[in-house]
C-alpha atoms as a PDB file:
ATOM      1  CA  MET A   1     -13.688   0.380  -9.762  1.00  0.00           C
ATOM      2  CA  GLN A   2     -12.439  -2.921  -8.747  1.00  0.00           C
ATOM      3  CA  VAL A   3     -10.028  -4.710  -7.199  1.00  0.00           C
ATOM      4  CA  ARG A   4      -7.748  -7.915  -8.354  1.00  0.00           C
ATOM      5  CA  SER A   5      -4.438  -9.932  -7.766  1.00  0.00           C
ATOM      6  CA  ALA A   6      -2.052  -8.368  -9.963  1.00  0.00           C
ATOM      7  CA  SER A   7      -0.430 -10.187 -12.801  1.00  0.00           C
ATOM      8  CA  PRO A   8       3.284 -10.342 -14.465  1.00  0.00           C
ATOM      9  CA  GLN A   9       1.267  -8.717 -17.329  1.00  0.00           C
ATOM     10  CA  ASP A  10       0.722  -5.850 -15.455  1.00  0.00           C
ATOM     11  CA  PHE A  11       3.918  -4.863 -14.700  1.00  0.00           C
ATOM     12  CA  GLU A  12       4.227  -2.299 -16.729  1.00  0.00           C
ATOM     13  CA  ALA A  13       1.399   0.012 -15.513  1.00  0.00           C
ATOM     14  CA  ILE A  14       2.440  -1.088 -12.174  1.00  0.00           C
ATOM     15  CA  MET A  15       5.525   0.522 -12.893  1.00  0.00           C
ATOM     16  CA  ALA A  16       4.688   3.259 -14.762  1.00  0.00           C
ATOM     17  CA  ILE A  17       2.225   4.180 -11.346  1.00  0.00           C
ATOM     18  CA  GLU A  18       5.277   3.675  -8.970  1.00  0.00           C
ATOM     19  CA  GLN A  19       7.386   5.892 -10.584  1.00  0.00           C
ATOM     20  CA  SER A  20       4.984   8.871 -11.353  1.00  0.00           C
ATOM     21  CA  ALA A  21       3.671   8.378  -7.910  1.00  0.00           C
ATOM     22  CA  HIS A  22       6.948   8.401  -5.674  1.00  0.00           C
ATOM     23  CA  PHE A  23      10.424  10.704  -5.053  1.00  0.00           C
ATOM     24  CA  HIS A  24      11.709   7.095  -5.019  1.00  0.00           C
ATOM     25  CA  PRO A  25      10.886   4.741  -6.853  1.00  0.00           C
ATOM     26  CA  TRP A  26      11.509   0.796  -5.993  1.00  0.00           C
ATOM     27  CA  PRO A  27      13.587  -0.664  -8.411  1.00  0.00           C
ATOM     28  CA  GLU A  28      11.878  -2.884 -11.403  1.00  0.00           C
ATOM     29  CA  SER A  29      13.490  -6.400  -9.944  1.00  0.00           C
ATOM     30  CA  VAL A  30      11.333  -5.476  -6.799  1.00  0.00           C
ATOM     31  CA  LEU A  31       8.367  -4.894  -7.569  1.00  0.00           C
ATOM     32  CA  ARG A  32       8.475  -7.945 -10.663  1.00  0.00           C
ATOM     33  CA  ARG A  33       9.407 -10.219  -7.743  1.00  0.00           C
ATOM     34  CA  TYR A  34       6.504  -9.381  -6.027  1.00  0.00           C
ATOM     35  CA  LEU A  35       4.438  -9.777  -8.833  1.00  0.00           C
ATOM     36  CA  GLU A  36       5.547 -13.424  -8.175  1.00  0.00           C
ATOM     37  CA  LYS A  37       4.086 -14.246  -5.367  1.00  0.00           C
ATOM     38  CA  PRO A  38       0.321 -15.526  -4.944  1.00  0.00           C
ATOM     39  CA  ASP A  39      -1.979 -13.254  -2.557  1.00  0.00           C
ATOM     40  CA  CYS A  40       0.918 -10.059  -2.377  1.00  0.00           C
ATOM     41  CA  THR A  41       0.100  -7.879  -5.152  1.00  0.00           C
ATOM     42  CA  PHE A  42      -3.374  -6.229  -6.227  1.00  0.00           C
ATOM     43  CA  VAL A  43      -4.314  -3.506  -8.638  1.00  0.00           C
ATOM     44  CA  ILE A  44      -7.606  -1.516  -8.624  1.00  0.00           C
ATOM     45  CA  GLU A  45      -8.746  -0.476 -11.910  1.00  0.00           C
ATOM     46  CA  ASP A  46     -11.708   1.196 -13.674  1.00  0.00           C
ATOM     47  CA  SER A  47     -12.773  -0.075 -17.358  1.00  0.00           C
ATOM     48  CA  ARG A  48      -9.240  -1.555 -17.261  1.00  0.00           C
ATOM     49  CA  ARG A  49      -7.414   0.836 -16.832  1.00  0.00           C
ATOM     50  CA  ILE A  50      -4.702   0.165 -13.790  1.00  0.00           C
ATOM     51  CA  LEU A  51      -5.376   3.272 -10.978  1.00  0.00           C
ATOM     52  CA  GLY A  52      -3.430   2.451  -8.859  1.00  0.00           C
ATOM     53  CA  TYR A  53      -1.794  -1.342  -7.165  1.00  0.00           C
ATOM     54  CA  ALA A  54      -0.781  -2.056  -3.055  1.00  0.00           C
ATOM     55  CA  VAL A  55       2.064  -4.525  -1.944  1.00  0.00           C
ATOM     56  CA  ILE A  56       1.408  -6.208   1.279  1.00  0.00           C
ATOM     57  CA  THR A  57       2.769 -10.035   2.989  1.00  0.00           C
ATOM     58  CA  LEU A  58       1.498 -12.080   5.399  1.00  0.00           C
ATOM     59  CA  ILE A  59       3.361 -13.862   8.179  1.00  0.00           C
ATOM     60  CA  ALA A  60       1.940 -15.911  11.683  1.00  0.00           C
ATOM     61  CA  GLY A  61      -0.934 -13.132  11.264  1.00  0.00           C
ATOM     62  CA  GLU A  62       1.085 -10.078  10.732  1.00  0.00           C
ATOM     63  CA  ALA A  63       0.530  -8.580   8.130  1.00  0.00           C
ATOM     64  CA  GLU A  64       2.034  -5.456   6.307  1.00  0.00           C
ATOM     65  CA  LEU A  65       1.271  -3.207   3.336  1.00  0.00           C
ATOM     66  CA  LEU A  66       4.731  -2.362   1.734  1.00  0.00           C
ATOM     67  CA  MET A  67       3.472  -0.257  -0.979  1.00  0.00           C
ATOM     68  CA  VAL A  68       0.800   1.411  -2.047  1.00  0.00           C
ATOM     69  CA  ALA A  69       0.284   3.691  -4.713  1.00  0.00           C
ATOM     70  CA  VAL A  70      -2.546   5.905  -6.743  1.00  0.00           C
ATOM     71  CA  ASP A  71      -1.968   7.487 -10.035  1.00  0.00           C
ATOM     72  CA  PRO A  72      -1.413  11.355  -9.194  1.00  0.00           C
ATOM     73  CA  ALA A  73      -3.734  11.951 -12.121  1.00  0.00           C
ATOM     74  CA  CYS A  74      -6.486   9.485  -9.845  1.00  0.00           C
ATOM     75  CA  GLN A  75      -5.712  10.616  -6.469  1.00  0.00           C
ATOM     76  CA  GLY A  76      -8.529  12.018  -4.806  1.00  0.00           C
ATOM     77  CA  LYS A  77     -11.551  10.561  -5.661  1.00  0.00           C
ATOM     78  CA  GLY A  78     -11.961   7.263  -3.448  1.00  0.00           C
ATOM     79  CA  ALA A  79      -9.250   4.498  -5.112  1.00  0.00           C
ATOM     80  CA  GLY A  80      -6.858   4.275  -2.442  1.00  0.00           C
ATOM     81  CA  ARG A  81      -9.148   3.617  -0.178  1.00  0.00           C
ATOM     82  CA  THR A  82     -11.535   0.813  -2.374  1.00  0.00           C
ATOM     83  CA  LEU A  83      -7.840  -0.315  -2.499  1.00  0.00           C
ATOM     84  CA  MET A  84      -7.192  -0.607   1.371  1.00  0.00           C
ATOM     85  CA  ASP A  85     -10.566  -1.635   2.108  1.00  0.00           C
ATOM     86  CA  TYR A  86     -10.426  -4.435  -0.115  1.00  0.00           C
ATOM     87  CA  LEU A  87      -7.291  -5.174   1.680  1.00  0.00           C
ATOM     88  CA  HIS A  88      -8.723  -4.713   4.827  1.00  0.00           C
ATOM     89  CA  SER A  89     -11.644  -7.166   4.113  1.00  0.00           C
ATOM     90  CA  PHE A  90      -8.750  -9.423   2.345  1.00  0.00           C
ATOM     91  CA  LEU A  91      -6.075  -9.725   5.342  1.00  0.00           C
ATOM     92  CA  THR A  92      -9.479 -10.277   7.687  1.00  0.00           C
ATOM     93  CA  GLN A  93      -9.971 -13.337   5.909  1.00  0.00           C
ATOM     94  CA  LYS A  94      -7.097 -14.921   5.621  1.00  0.00           C
ATOM     95  CA  GLY A  95      -6.442 -14.494   9.115  1.00  0.00           C
ATOM     96  CA  ALA A  96      -4.310 -11.434   9.383  1.00  0.00           C
ATOM     97  CA  VAL A  97      -4.639 -10.646  13.504  1.00  0.00           C
ATOM     98  CA  GLN A  98      -2.710  -6.945  13.223  1.00  0.00           C
ATOM     99  CA  TRP A  99      -1.568  -4.791  10.403  1.00  0.00           C
ATOM    100  CA  PHE A 100       1.582  -2.278  10.398  1.00  0.00           C
ATOM    101  CA  LEU A 101       2.229   0.056   7.580  1.00  0.00           C
ATOM    102  CA  ASP A 102       4.898   3.052   7.558  1.00  0.00           C
ATOM    103  CA  VAL A 103       3.826   6.468   5.772  1.00  0.00           C
ATOM    104  CA  ARG A 104       6.037   9.761   5.599  1.00  0.00           C
ATOM    105  CA  GLU A 105       5.483  12.047   8.067  1.00  0.00           C
ATOM    106  CA  SER A 106       4.698  14.871   5.442  1.00  0.00           C
ATOM    107  CA  ASN A 107       2.091  12.210   3.481  1.00  0.00           C
ATOM    108  CA  HIS A 108      -0.162  14.060   5.571  1.00  0.00           C
ATOM    109  CA  LYS A 109      -3.811  12.389   2.673  1.00  0.00           C
ATOM    110  CA  ALA A 110      -2.658   9.116   3.823  1.00  0.00           C
ATOM    111  CA  ILE A 111      -1.947   9.597   7.551  1.00  0.00           C
ATOM    112  CA  SER A 112      -5.817  11.276   7.017  1.00  0.00           C
ATOM    113  CA  LEU A 113      -6.658   7.840   5.283  1.00  0.00           C
ATOM    114  CA  TYR A 114      -5.314   5.247   7.310  1.00  0.00           C
ATOM    115  CA  GLU A 115      -6.599   7.044  10.752  1.00  0.00           C
ATOM    116  CA  SER A 116      -9.691   6.895   9.330  1.00  0.00           C
ATOM    117  CA  MET A 117      -9.834   3.485   9.007  1.00  0.00           C
ATOM    118  CA  GLY A 118      -8.688   2.645  12.562  1.00  0.00           C
ATOM    119  CA  PHE A 119      -4.620   2.395  12.155  1.00  0.00           C
ATOM    120  CA  CYS A 120      -2.873   4.050  15.629  1.00  0.00           C
ATOM    121  CA  GLN A 121       0.392   5.181  15.464  1.00  0.00           C
ATOM    122  CA  ALA A 122       2.837   3.195  16.974  1.00  0.00           C
ATOM    123  CA  GLY A 123       6.200   4.500  16.422  1.00  0.00           C
ATOM    124  CA  VAL A 124       8.773   6.193  13.960  1.00  0.00           C
ATOM    125  CA  ARG A 125      11.396   5.293  11.981  1.00  0.00           C
ATOM    126  CA  SER A 126      13.890   8.075  12.242  1.00  0.00           C
ATOM    127  CA  GLY A 127      15.672   8.912   8.747  1.00  0.00           C
ATOM    128  CA  TYR A 128      13.829   6.124   7.345  1.00  0.00           C
ATOM    129  CA  TYR A 129      12.960   7.973   3.364  1.00  0.00           C
ATOM    130  CA  PRO A 130      14.858   9.675   1.159  1.00  0.00           C
ATOM    131  CA  THR A 131      14.147  13.256   0.071  1.00  0.00           C
ATOM    132  CA  ALA A 132      15.518  15.464  -1.889  1.00  0.00           C
ATOM    133  CA  ASN A 133      17.210  17.531   1.301  1.00  0.00           C
ATOM    134  CA  GLY A 134      18.032  14.198   2.754  1.00  0.00           C
ATOM    135  CA  LYS A 135      15.732  12.371   5.098  1.00  0.00           C
ATOM    136  CA  GLU A 136      12.051  12.093   6.415  1.00  0.00           C
ATOM    137  CA  ASP A 137      11.005  10.115   9.418  1.00  0.00           C
ATOM    138  CA  ALA A 138       8.484   7.490   8.499  1.00  0.00           C
ATOM    139  CA  LEU A 139       5.440   6.718  10.919  1.00  0.00           C
ATOM    140  CA  LEU A 140       4.926   3.339  12.106  1.00  0.00           C
ATOM    141  CA  TYR A 141       1.082   2.497  12.427  1.00  0.00           C
ATOM    142  CA  CYS A 142      -0.761  -0.472  13.752  1.00  0.00           C
ATOM    143  CA  LEU A 143      -4.379  -2.088  13.485  1.00  0.00           C
ATOM    144  CA  ASP A 144      -5.331  -4.643  15.678  1.00  0.00           C
ATOM    145  CA  LEU A 145      -8.282  -6.995  13.120  1.00  0.00           C
ATOM    146  CA  SER A 146      -8.482  -9.025  15.746  1.00  0.00           C
ATOM    147  CA  ASP A 147     -11.782  -7.738  16.534  1.00  0.00           C
ATOM    148  CA  ASP A 148     -12.434  -7.945  12.778  1.00  0.00           C
ATOM    149  CA  SER A 149     -12.931 -11.577  12.328  1.00  0.00           C
END
């Protein structure tokens, strides 16, 4: 598996993963906008097949993971960890000092991954995520990258 910067040509594969991996997927226009920005969208692939993707921002030393998704058929095989490890190195090289993300409170696998990387819960966004039966809280996590540089 390898991680690389995404290009507009990756849009169809990314959108297919987005729609299959999330109850409330991002609109196509949002994904297209992030694909046009440099150092913002990354894909993980194996034998030229895109297994997952991530969208990040980095502003004034603060990074945010806006979206990460792995094809449901490929989950549990290390693609998410490989992608997150790559982003950790990338953000450290770019001078990020803090990395933030939100995660659904019910997404125990993602929470376990983030905590194993050193992320700590920093807050809660009540009713942040839509669900089939209403709303779900988002847990806000933070990782201090200043010790990594």
